[in-house]
Amino acid sequence: MAQMFQRAVERGAVAGRWSTLAQLEDIAGTAPKPVEDKYLPPSAVQGSLFD
């Protein structure tokens, strides 16, 4: 997966799509949206994983 990302970044830079990290972030977007509570496991399950 990391190699695929590296190739995409390199090819985009060569093609002139971006030349700075700020431009890359603008194209790629920002951080993903938070996971909705309805998709999270109950807190007891989450806690048991890290006790």
C-alpha atoms as a PDB file:
ATOM      1  CA  MET A   1       0.000   0.000   0.000  1.00  0.00           C
ATOM      2  CA  ALA A   2       2.821   2.396   0.855  1.00  0.00           C
ATOM      3  CA  GLN A   3       4.514   1.751  -2.495  1.00  0.00           C
ATOM      4  CA  MET A   4       1.287   2.491  -4.321  1.00  0.00           C
ATOM      5  CA  PHE A   5       0.941   5.789  -2.448  1.00  0.00           C
ATOM      6  CA  GLN A   6       4.571   6.666  -3.154  1.00  0.00           C
ATOM      7  CA  ARG A   7       4.093   6.040  -6.880  1.00  0.00           C
ATOM      8  CA  ALA A   8       0.917   8.133  -6.965  1.00  0.00           C
ATOM      9  CA  VAL A   9       2.673  11.028  -5.232  1.00  0.00           C
ATOM     10  CA  GLU A  10       5.697  10.812  -7.532  1.00  0.00           C
ATOM     11  CA  ARG A  11       3.606  10.618 -10.702  1.00  0.00           C
ATOM     12  CA  GLY A  12       1.438  13.517  -9.606  1.00  0.00           C
ATOM     13  CA  ALA A  13       4.500  15.648  -8.918  1.00  0.00           C
ATOM     14  CA  VAL A  14       6.051  14.767 -12.298  1.00  0.00           C
ATOM     15  CA  ALA A  15       2.756  15.596 -14.027  1.00  0.00           C
ATOM     16  CA  GLY A  16       2.675  18.995 -12.281  1.00  0.00           C
ATOM     17  CA  ARG A  17      -0.413  18.272 -10.188  1.00  0.00           C
ATOM     18  CA  TRP A  18       1.429  19.443  -7.047  1.00  0.00           C
ATOM     19  CA  SER A  19       4.832  20.571  -5.897  1.00  0.00           C
ATOM     20  CA  THR A  20       4.244  21.170  -2.190  1.00  0.00           C
ATOM     21  CA  LEU A  21       2.718  19.190   0.653  1.00  0.00           C
ATOM     22  CA  ALA A  22       0.041  21.873   1.009  1.00  0.00           C
ATOM     23  CA  GLN A  23      -1.035  21.339  -2.605  1.00  0.00           C
ATOM     24  CA  LEU A  24      -1.056  17.573  -2.093  1.00  0.00           C
ATOM     25  CA  GLU A  25      -3.256  17.978   0.987  1.00  0.00           C
ATOM     26  CA  ASP A  26      -5.654  20.222  -0.953  1.00  0.00           C
ATOM     27  CA  ILE A  27      -6.021  17.555  -3.630  1.00  0.00           C
ATOM     28  CA  ALA A  28      -6.144  14.571  -1.270  1.00  0.00           C
ATOM     29  CA  GLY A  29      -8.365  16.201   1.314  1.00  0.00           C
ATOM     30  CA  THR A  30      -7.995  16.502   5.030  1.00  0.00           C
ATOM     31  CA  ALA A  31      -8.309  13.972   7.820  1.00  0.00           C
ATOM     32  CA  PRO A  32     -11.081  11.414   7.502  1.00  0.00           C
ATOM     33  CA  LYS A  33     -14.419  12.035   9.122  1.00  0.00           C
ATOM     34  CA  PRO A  34     -14.796  10.628  12.635  1.00  0.00           C
ATOM     35  CA  VAL A  35     -16.486   7.249  12.946  1.00  0.00           C
ATOM     36  CA  GLU A  36     -20.126   7.596  13.930  1.00  0.00           C
ATOM     37  CA  ASP A  37     -20.986   6.309  17.401  1.00  0.00           C
ATOM     38  CA  LYS A  38     -23.371   3.713  15.980  1.00  0.00           C
ATOM     39  CA  TYR A  39     -20.405   1.956  14.329  1.00  0.00           C
ATOM     40  CA  LEU A  40     -18.223   1.855  17.454  1.00  0.00           C
ATOM     41  CA  PRO A  41     -18.224  -1.167  19.776  1.00  0.00           C
ATOM     42  CA  PRO A  42     -19.701  -0.741  23.268  1.00  0.00           C
ATOM     43  CA  SER A  43     -17.244   0.867  25.679  1.00  0.00           C
ATOM     44  CA  ALA A  44     -16.935  -2.370  27.705  1.00  0.00           C
ATOM     45  CA  VAL A  45     -15.649  -4.174  24.617  1.00  0.00           C
ATOM     46  CA  GLN A  46     -13.241  -1.379  23.754  1.00  0.00           C
ATOM     47  CA  GLY A  47     -11.932  -1.273  27.322  1.00  0.00           C
ATOM     48  CA  SER A  48     -11.365  -5.024  27.435  1.00  0.00           C
ATOM     49  CA  LEU A  49      -9.083  -4.816  24.419  1.00  0.00           C
ATOM     50  CA  PHE A  50      -6.607  -2.521  26.155  1.00  0.00           C
ATOM     51  CA  ASP A  51      -6.708  -3.610  29.815  1.00  0.00           C
END
